[in-house]
Amino acid sequence: MTGIVKVQPFPATKLFSNGFLDEFLNRGIGEFVGNDAQLSQPAVNVRETEDSFQVDVAAPGFEKQHFALNIENGHLLVTANREEQTEKSRFLRREFRYDSFKRSFKLPITVNQDAIVAVYESGILNITLPKKEEAKPVMKSIQVS
């Protein structure tokens, strides 16, 4: 009868347990692929209500003056610029970043571009994209005769 056997790919030596594996496992995936620009993009939630679309951008570590929102060719551009603190040190472990970023969202034609509102609070940039009046659902009761 054959059983499942756990295989250790690296021998348990000081070189691997204290050096190589720690260094290997504490790197971001961007260091392996060569560019982590896509990986530093903030997470985004997009919701739709009857009256608007809500875009929530997770951007902790920023302040409201770091953000710029622009509309260009039917797209909402969200940009955050933040200077990286340059210290003479190296990270031994890095699990979060506060990098500058740029995101683009195609706006539906139903959005009232003149009434877009953005609020930055508790590390989340909340963008409200109100719908045009003609795009809102109309509820009407019809009498049966």
N, C-alpha and C. Protein backbone atom coordinates (compact mmCIF):
# COMPACT_ATOMS: atom_id res chain seq x y z
N MET A 1 0.85 -1.18 0.00
CA MET A 1 0.00 0.00 0.00
C MET A 1 0.89 1.24 0.00
N THR A 2 0.56 2.19 -0.83
CA THR A 2 1.35 3.40 -0.95
C THR A 2 0.70 4.51 -0.13
N GLY A 3 1.53 5.24 0.60
CA GLY A 3 1.03 6.35 1.40
C GLY A 3 1.58 7.67 0.88
N ILE A 4 1.03 8.76 1.38
CA ILE A 4 1.50 10.09 1.01
C ILE A 4 2.67 10.43 1.92
N VAL A 5 3.77 10.85 1.34
CA VAL A 5 4.97 11.16 2.09
C VAL A 5 5.27 12.64 1.93
N LYS A 6 5.52 13.32 3.04
CA LYS A 6 5.89 14.73 3.01
C LYS A 6 7.34 14.85 2.58
N VAL A 7 7.60 15.66 1.57
CA VAL A 7 8.94 15.82 1.05
C VAL A 7 9.47 17.18 1.46
N GLN A 8 10.66 17.22 1.97
CA GLN A 8 11.35 18.46 2.30
C GLN A 8 12.25 18.83 1.13
N PRO A 9 11.93 19.84 0.34
CA PRO A 9 12.74 20.14 -0.85
C PRO A 9 14.13 20.67 -0.51
N PHE A 10 14.31 21.27 0.65
CA PHE A 10 15.61 21.80 1.05
C PHE A 10 16.08 21.06 2.30
N PRO A 11 17.34 20.74 2.39
CA PRO A 11 17.81 20.10 3.62
C PRO A 11 17.77 21.09 4.78
N ALA A 12 17.56 20.58 5.95
CA ALA A 12 17.47 21.44 7.14
C ALA A 12 18.87 21.82 7.60
N THR A 13 19.43 22.80 6.96
CA THR A 13 20.75 23.30 7.34
C THR A 13 20.63 24.74 7.74
N LYS A 14 21.65 25.25 8.38
CA LYS A 14 21.60 26.65 8.81
C LYS A 14 21.49 27.59 7.62
N LEU A 15 22.14 27.24 6.54
CA LEU A 15 22.10 28.09 5.36
C LEU A 15 20.66 28.33 4.91
N PHE A 16 19.85 27.26 4.90
CA PHE A 16 18.48 27.38 4.43
C PHE A 16 17.54 27.89 5.50
N SER A 17 17.64 27.40 6.71
CA SER A 17 16.66 27.76 7.72
C SER A 17 16.85 29.17 8.26
N ASN A 18 18.06 29.68 8.25
CA ASN A 18 18.29 31.02 8.81
C ASN A 18 18.55 32.08 7.76
N GLY A 19 18.80 31.68 6.55
CA GLY A 19 19.17 32.67 5.56
C GLY A 19 18.35 32.64 4.30
N PHE A 20 18.55 31.62 3.48
CA PHE A 20 17.95 31.58 2.16
C PHE A 20 16.43 31.62 2.19
N LEU A 21 15.80 30.74 2.97
CA LEU A 21 14.34 30.69 2.99
C LEU A 21 13.73 31.96 3.57
N ASP A 22 14.34 32.49 4.64
CA ASP A 22 13.82 33.74 5.20
C ASP A 22 13.88 34.85 4.17
N GLU A 23 14.99 34.94 3.46
CA GLU A 23 15.13 35.97 2.43
C GLU A 23 14.14 35.73 1.29
N PHE A 24 13.99 34.50 0.88
CA PHE A 24 13.11 34.14 -0.22
C PHE A 24 11.65 34.41 0.11
N LEU A 25 11.20 34.02 1.30
CA LEU A 25 9.79 34.14 1.67
C LEU A 25 9.38 35.55 2.07
N ASN A 26 10.31 36.41 2.37
CA ASN A 26 9.98 37.76 2.82
C ASN A 26 10.05 38.78 1.70
N ARG A 27 10.10 38.34 0.47
CA ARG A 27 10.09 39.25 -0.66
C ARG A 27 8.70 39.34 -1.25
N GLY A 28 8.42 40.48 -1.89
CA GLY A 28 7.16 40.62 -2.62
C GLY A 28 7.27 39.90 -3.96
N ILE A 29 6.14 39.54 -4.51
CA ILE A 29 6.14 38.83 -5.79
C ILE A 29 6.70 39.71 -6.91
N GLY A 30 6.58 41.03 -6.75
CA GLY A 30 7.11 41.94 -7.75
C GLY A 30 8.61 41.82 -7.93
N GLU A 31 9.32 41.41 -6.90
CA GLU A 31 10.76 41.23 -7.03
C GLU A 31 11.08 40.05 -7.93
N PHE A 32 10.17 39.09 -8.03
CA PHE A 32 10.40 37.93 -8.87
C PHE A 32 10.00 38.19 -10.32
N VAL A 33 8.93 38.98 -10.51
CA VAL A 33 8.47 39.26 -11.87
C VAL A 33 9.15 40.48 -12.46
N GLY A 34 9.80 41.27 -11.65
CA GLY A 34 10.56 42.39 -12.16
C GLY A 34 9.90 43.73 -11.95
N ASN A 35 8.58 43.80 -11.86
CA ASN A 35 7.90 45.08 -11.67
C ASN A 35 6.65 44.85 -10.86
N ASP A 36 6.55 45.56 -9.74
CA ASP A 36 5.37 45.37 -8.91
C ASP A 36 4.43 46.57 -8.97
N ALA A 37 4.42 47.29 -10.11
CA ALA A 37 3.54 48.45 -10.24
C ALA A 37 2.08 48.05 -10.13
N GLN A 38 1.69 46.95 -10.78
CA GLN A 38 0.31 46.50 -10.70
C GLN A 38 -0.03 46.02 -9.30
N LEU A 39 0.94 45.45 -8.61
CA LEU A 39 0.68 44.91 -7.29
C LEU A 39 0.48 46.01 -6.25
N SER A 40 0.98 47.22 -6.53
CA SER A 40 0.84 48.29 -5.56
C SER A 40 -0.45 49.10 -5.77
N GLN A 41 -1.31 48.63 -6.67
CA GLN A 41 -2.59 49.30 -6.89
C GLN A 41 -3.49 49.05 -5.68
N PRO A 42 -4.20 50.06 -5.24
CA PRO A 42 -5.09 49.85 -4.09
C PRO A 42 -6.31 49.02 -4.46
N ALA A 43 -6.84 48.33 -3.48
CA ALA A 43 -8.08 47.56 -3.68
C ALA A 43 -9.25 48.53 -3.85
N VAL A 44 -10.21 48.14 -4.69
CA VAL A 44 -11.35 49.00 -5.00
C VAL A 44 -12.63 48.19 -4.92
N ASN A 45 -13.66 48.79 -4.33
CA ASN A 45 -15.01 48.23 -4.36
C ASN A 45 -15.88 49.19 -5.16
N VAL A 46 -16.72 48.66 -6.04
CA VAL A 46 -17.66 49.48 -6.81
C VAL A 46 -19.06 48.92 -6.56
N ARG A 47 -19.95 49.79 -6.11
CA ARG A 47 -21.33 49.40 -5.82
C ARG A 47 -22.28 50.29 -6.60
N GLU A 48 -23.49 49.77 -6.86
CA GLU A 48 -24.52 50.57 -7.52
C GLU A 48 -25.75 50.61 -6.63
N THR A 49 -26.29 51.81 -6.48
CA THR A 49 -27.56 51.99 -5.79
C THR A 49 -28.55 52.55 -6.82
N GLU A 50 -29.77 52.80 -6.38
CA GLU A 50 -30.75 53.39 -7.31
C GLU A 50 -30.34 54.77 -7.78
N ASP A 51 -29.65 55.53 -6.90
CA ASP A 51 -29.32 56.92 -7.21
C ASP A 51 -27.90 57.17 -7.68
N SER A 52 -26.99 56.21 -7.43
CA SER A 52 -25.59 56.49 -7.72
C SER A 52 -24.75 55.22 -7.82
N PHE A 53 -23.51 55.43 -8.23
CA PHE A 53 -22.47 54.41 -8.15
C PHE A 53 -21.53 54.85 -7.03
N GLN A 54 -21.03 53.91 -6.26
CA GLN A 54 -20.10 54.21 -5.17
C GLN A 54 -18.79 53.51 -5.49
N VAL A 55 -17.70 54.26 -5.47
CA VAL A 55 -16.36 53.70 -5.65
C VAL A 55 -15.60 53.93 -4.36
N ASP A 56 -15.15 52.85 -3.72
CA ASP A 56 -14.39 52.94 -2.48
C ASP A 56 -12.97 52.45 -2.77
N VAL A 57 -12.00 53.32 -2.55
CA VAL A 57 -10.60 53.01 -2.82
C VAL A 57 -9.88 52.87 -1.48
N ALA A 58 -9.32 51.70 -1.19
CA ALA A 58 -8.59 51.48 0.05
C ALA A 58 -7.20 52.10 -0.11
N ALA A 59 -6.96 53.20 0.59
CA ALA A 59 -5.69 53.92 0.45
C ALA A 59 -5.22 54.42 1.81
N PRO A 60 -4.88 53.51 2.72
CA PRO A 60 -4.40 53.95 4.03
C PRO A 60 -3.04 54.61 3.93
N GLY A 61 -2.75 55.52 4.85
CA GLY A 61 -1.46 56.18 4.87
C GLY A 61 -1.38 57.45 4.07
N PHE A 62 -2.44 57.79 3.37
CA PHE A 62 -2.48 59.02 2.58
C PHE A 62 -3.25 60.09 3.36
N GLU A 63 -3.20 61.30 2.86
CA GLU A 63 -4.01 62.39 3.37
C GLU A 63 -4.78 62.97 2.19
N LYS A 64 -5.86 63.69 2.49
CA LYS A 64 -6.74 64.12 1.39
C LYS A 64 -6.05 65.00 0.37
N GLN A 65 -5.03 65.73 0.77
CA GLN A 65 -4.33 66.59 -0.20
C GLN A 65 -3.46 65.79 -1.18
N HIS A 66 -3.25 64.50 -0.92
CA HIS A 66 -2.47 63.65 -1.83
C HIS A 66 -3.27 63.23 -3.06
N PHE A 67 -4.60 63.36 -3.02
CA PHE A 67 -5.46 62.85 -4.08
C PHE A 67 -5.81 63.92 -5.11
N ALA A 68 -5.95 63.47 -6.35
CA ALA A 68 -6.46 64.32 -7.44
C ALA A 68 -7.43 63.46 -8.24
N LEU A 69 -8.62 64.00 -8.50
CA LEU A 69 -9.62 63.31 -9.31
C LEU A 69 -9.90 64.17 -10.53
N ASN A 70 -9.85 63.56 -11.71
CA ASN A 70 -10.08 64.27 -12.96
C ASN A 70 -10.94 63.41 -13.87
N ILE A 71 -11.68 64.08 -14.75
CA ILE A 71 -12.46 63.38 -15.77
C ILE A 71 -11.84 63.71 -17.11
N GLU A 72 -11.45 62.66 -17.84
CA GLU A 72 -10.83 62.83 -19.15
C GLU A 72 -11.40 61.78 -20.10
N ASN A 73 -11.98 62.23 -21.19
CA ASN A 73 -12.50 61.33 -22.23
C ASN A 73 -13.41 60.24 -21.68
N GLY A 74 -14.31 60.61 -20.79
CA GLY A 74 -15.27 59.66 -20.25
C GLY A 74 -14.72 58.72 -19.20
N HIS A 75 -13.53 59.01 -18.68
CA HIS A 75 -12.92 58.20 -17.64
C HIS A 75 -12.68 59.05 -16.39
N LEU A 76 -12.90 58.44 -15.24
CA LEU A 76 -12.55 59.07 -13.96
C LEU A 76 -11.14 58.61 -13.62
N LEU A 77 -10.21 59.57 -13.49
CA LEU A 77 -8.83 59.27 -13.13
C LEU A 77 -8.62 59.62 -11.66
N VAL A 78 -8.22 58.65 -10.88
CA VAL A 78 -7.92 58.86 -9.47
C VAL A 78 -6.42 58.71 -9.31
N THR A 79 -5.78 59.78 -8.86
CA THR A 79 -4.33 59.79 -8.69
C THR A 79 -4.00 60.15 -7.26
N ALA A 80 -3.02 59.46 -6.70
CA ALA A 80 -2.51 59.81 -5.37
C ALA A 80 -1.00 59.90 -5.46
N ASN A 81 -0.46 61.02 -5.08
CA ASN A 81 0.99 61.22 -5.09
C ASN A 81 1.48 61.41 -3.67
N ARG A 82 2.44 60.60 -3.31
CA ARG A 82 3.01 60.66 -1.97
C ARG A 82 4.49 60.40 -2.11
N GLU A 83 5.27 61.27 -1.52
CA GLU A 83 6.72 61.11 -1.56
C GLU A 83 7.13 59.97 -0.65
N GLU A 84 7.96 59.08 -1.18
CA GLU A 84 8.48 57.98 -0.37
C GLU A 84 9.54 58.54 0.56
N GLN A 85 9.47 58.17 1.83
CA GLN A 85 10.47 58.61 2.82
C GLN A 85 11.78 57.90 2.50
N THR A 86 12.82 58.67 2.27
CA THR A 86 14.11 58.05 1.95
C THR A 86 15.00 58.08 3.17
N GLU A 87 15.18 56.92 3.74
CA GLU A 87 16.07 56.76 4.88
C GLU A 87 17.20 55.84 4.45
N LYS A 88 18.29 55.93 5.14
CA LYS A 88 19.40 55.04 4.85
C LYS A 88 19.22 53.75 5.62
N SER A 89 18.22 52.99 5.20
CA SER A 89 17.96 51.69 5.81
C SER A 89 17.35 50.79 4.75
N ARG A 90 17.35 49.52 5.02
CA ARG A 90 16.72 48.59 4.10
C ARG A 90 15.67 47.80 4.87
N PHE A 91 14.64 47.42 4.17
CA PHE A 91 13.57 46.65 4.80
C PHE A 91 14.03 45.21 5.00
N LEU A 92 13.82 44.70 6.17
CA LEU A 92 14.05 43.29 6.43
C LEU A 92 12.79 42.50 6.11
N ARG A 93 11.65 43.17 6.25
CA ARG A 93 10.35 42.60 5.88
C ARG A 93 9.46 43.77 5.51
N ARG A 94 8.76 43.65 4.39
CA ARG A 94 7.88 44.73 3.95
C ARG A 94 6.56 44.12 3.52
N GLU A 95 5.50 44.41 4.28
CA GLU A 95 4.19 43.84 3.98
C GLU A 95 3.19 44.90 3.53
N PHE A 96 3.50 46.17 3.65
CA PHE A 96 2.60 47.21 3.17
C PHE A 96 3.41 48.35 2.61
N ARG A 97 2.77 49.11 1.74
CA ARG A 97 3.39 50.27 1.10
C ARG A 97 2.39 51.41 1.04
N TYR A 98 2.92 52.59 0.95
CA TYR A 98 2.10 53.77 0.71
C TYR A 98 2.60 54.43 -0.57
N ASP A 99 2.57 53.67 -1.66
CA ASP A 99 3.09 54.17 -2.93
C ASP A 99 2.07 55.06 -3.64
N SER A 100 2.59 55.95 -4.45
CA SER A 100 1.73 56.73 -5.33
C SER A 100 1.06 55.77 -6.32
N PHE A 101 -0.14 56.15 -6.76
CA PHE A 101 -0.85 55.29 -7.71
C PHE A 101 -1.74 56.12 -8.59
N LYS A 102 -2.21 55.46 -9.67
CA LYS A 102 -3.14 56.07 -10.61
C LYS A 102 -4.11 54.98 -11.04
N ARG A 103 -5.40 55.24 -10.90
CA ARG A 103 -6.44 54.30 -11.33
C ARG A 103 -7.37 55.02 -12.28
N SER A 104 -7.93 54.28 -13.22
CA SER A 104 -8.84 54.85 -14.20
C SER A 104 -10.11 54.00 -14.24
N PHE A 105 -11.27 54.68 -14.28
CA PHE A 105 -12.56 54.00 -14.33
C PHE A 105 -13.38 54.61 -15.46
N LYS A 106 -13.88 53.76 -16.35
CA LYS A 106 -14.74 54.24 -17.44
C LYS A 106 -16.09 54.60 -16.83
N LEU A 107 -16.54 55.81 -17.09
CA LEU A 107 -17.81 56.29 -16.54
C LEU A 107 -18.96 55.92 -17.47
N PRO A 108 -20.03 55.37 -16.91
CA PRO A 108 -21.23 55.14 -17.72
C PRO A 108 -21.82 56.48 -18.15
N ILE A 109 -22.56 56.49 -19.25
CA ILE A 109 -23.15 57.74 -19.73
C ILE A 109 -24.26 58.22 -18.78
N THR A 110 -24.69 57.37 -17.88
CA THR A 110 -25.75 57.73 -16.94
C THR A 110 -25.25 58.53 -15.74
N VAL A 111 -23.93 58.75 -15.63
CA VAL A 111 -23.37 59.48 -14.48
C VAL A 111 -23.45 60.97 -14.71
N ASN A 112 -23.91 61.69 -13.69
CA ASN A 112 -23.92 63.16 -13.70
C ASN A 112 -22.52 63.62 -13.29
N GLN A 113 -21.69 63.91 -14.27
CA GLN A 113 -20.29 64.24 -14.02
C GLN A 113 -20.10 65.52 -13.21
N ASP A 114 -21.09 66.42 -13.24
CA ASP A 114 -20.97 67.68 -12.51
C ASP A 114 -21.25 67.54 -11.02
N ALA A 115 -21.75 66.40 -10.58
CA ALA A 115 -22.13 66.24 -9.18
C ALA A 115 -21.30 65.18 -8.45
N ILE A 116 -20.16 64.78 -9.02
CA ILE A 116 -19.32 63.77 -8.38
C ILE A 116 -18.71 64.35 -7.10
N VAL A 117 -18.74 63.53 -6.03
CA VAL A 117 -18.23 63.96 -4.73
C VAL A 117 -17.25 62.91 -4.22
N ALA A 118 -16.14 63.37 -3.61
CA ALA A 118 -15.16 62.44 -3.02
C ALA A 118 -14.86 62.87 -1.59
N VAL A 119 -14.81 61.87 -0.71
CA VAL A 119 -14.49 62.11 0.70
C VAL A 119 -13.46 61.07 1.13
N TYR A 120 -12.38 61.52 1.77
CA TYR A 120 -11.36 60.61 2.28
C TYR A 120 -11.49 60.54 3.79
N GLU A 121 -11.74 59.31 4.28
CA GLU A 121 -11.97 59.14 5.71
C GLU A 121 -11.52 57.74 6.13
N SER A 122 -10.76 57.67 7.20
CA SER A 122 -10.31 56.41 7.79
C SER A 122 -9.60 55.50 6.78
N GLY A 123 -8.79 56.09 5.91
CA GLY A 123 -8.01 55.30 4.96
C GLY A 123 -8.75 54.86 3.71
N ILE A 124 -10.01 55.30 3.55
CA ILE A 124 -10.81 54.93 2.39
C ILE A 124 -11.22 56.21 1.65
N LEU A 125 -10.98 56.22 0.35
CA LEU A 125 -11.46 57.31 -0.50
C LEU A 125 -12.81 56.88 -1.05
N ASN A 126 -13.88 57.55 -0.62
CA ASN A 126 -15.25 57.25 -1.04
C ASN A 126 -15.65 58.24 -2.13
N ILE A 127 -15.93 57.71 -3.31
CA ILE A 127 -16.32 58.55 -4.45
C ILE A 127 -17.76 58.22 -4.80
N THR A 128 -18.61 59.24 -4.81
CA THR A 128 -20.01 59.07 -5.16
C THR A 128 -20.22 59.62 -6.57
N LEU A 129 -20.73 58.77 -7.44
CA LEU A 129 -21.02 59.14 -8.82
C LEU A 129 -22.54 59.13 -9.01
N PRO A 130 -23.20 60.29 -8.80
CA PRO A 130 -24.66 60.32 -8.91
C PRO A 130 -25.13 60.06 -10.34
N LYS A 131 -26.27 59.40 -10.43
CA LYS A 131 -26.86 59.13 -11.74
C LYS A 131 -27.66 60.34 -12.20
N LYS A 132 -27.76 60.50 -13.50
CA LYS A 132 -28.61 61.55 -14.06
C LYS A 132 -30.05 61.21 -13.75
N GLU A 133 -30.88 62.21 -13.65
CA GLU A 133 -32.29 62.01 -13.30
C GLU A 133 -32.99 61.04 -14.26
N GLU A 134 -32.70 61.17 -15.55
CA GLU A 134 -33.38 60.30 -16.52
C GLU A 134 -32.92 58.84 -16.42
N ALA A 135 -31.79 58.59 -15.74
CA ALA A 135 -31.29 57.22 -15.61
C ALA A 135 -31.82 56.52 -14.36
N LYS A 136 -32.42 57.29 -13.46
CA LYS A 136 -32.94 56.69 -12.23
C LYS A 136 -34.22 55.92 -12.55
N PRO A 137 -34.42 54.81 -11.85
CA PRO A 137 -35.65 54.03 -12.11
C PRO A 137 -36.90 54.82 -11.73
N VAL A 138 -37.90 54.71 -12.55
CA VAL A 138 -39.17 55.40 -12.30
C VAL A 138 -40.18 54.39 -11.80
N MET A 139 -40.79 54.70 -10.67
CA MET A 139 -41.83 53.83 -10.12
C MET A 139 -43.17 54.52 -10.35
N LYS A 140 -44.10 53.79 -10.93
CA LYS A 140 -45.40 54.35 -11.24
C LYS A 140 -46.46 53.32 -10.95
N SER A 141 -47.53 53.75 -10.32
CA SER A 141 -48.66 52.86 -10.08
C SER A 141 -49.70 53.09 -11.18
N ILE A 142 -50.24 52.01 -11.67
CA ILE A 142 -51.26 52.10 -12.72
C ILE A 142 -52.53 51.48 -12.17
N GLN A 143 -53.60 52.24 -12.27
CA GLN A 143 -54.89 51.77 -11.79
C GLN A 143 -55.48 50.77 -12.78
N VAL A 144 -56.02 49.74 -12.24
CA VAL A 144 -56.71 48.75 -13.08
C VAL A 144 -58.18 49.10 -13.11
N SER A 145 -58.77 49.21 -14.31
CA SER A 145 -60.19 49.57 -14.41
C SER A 145 -61.04 48.41 -14.87
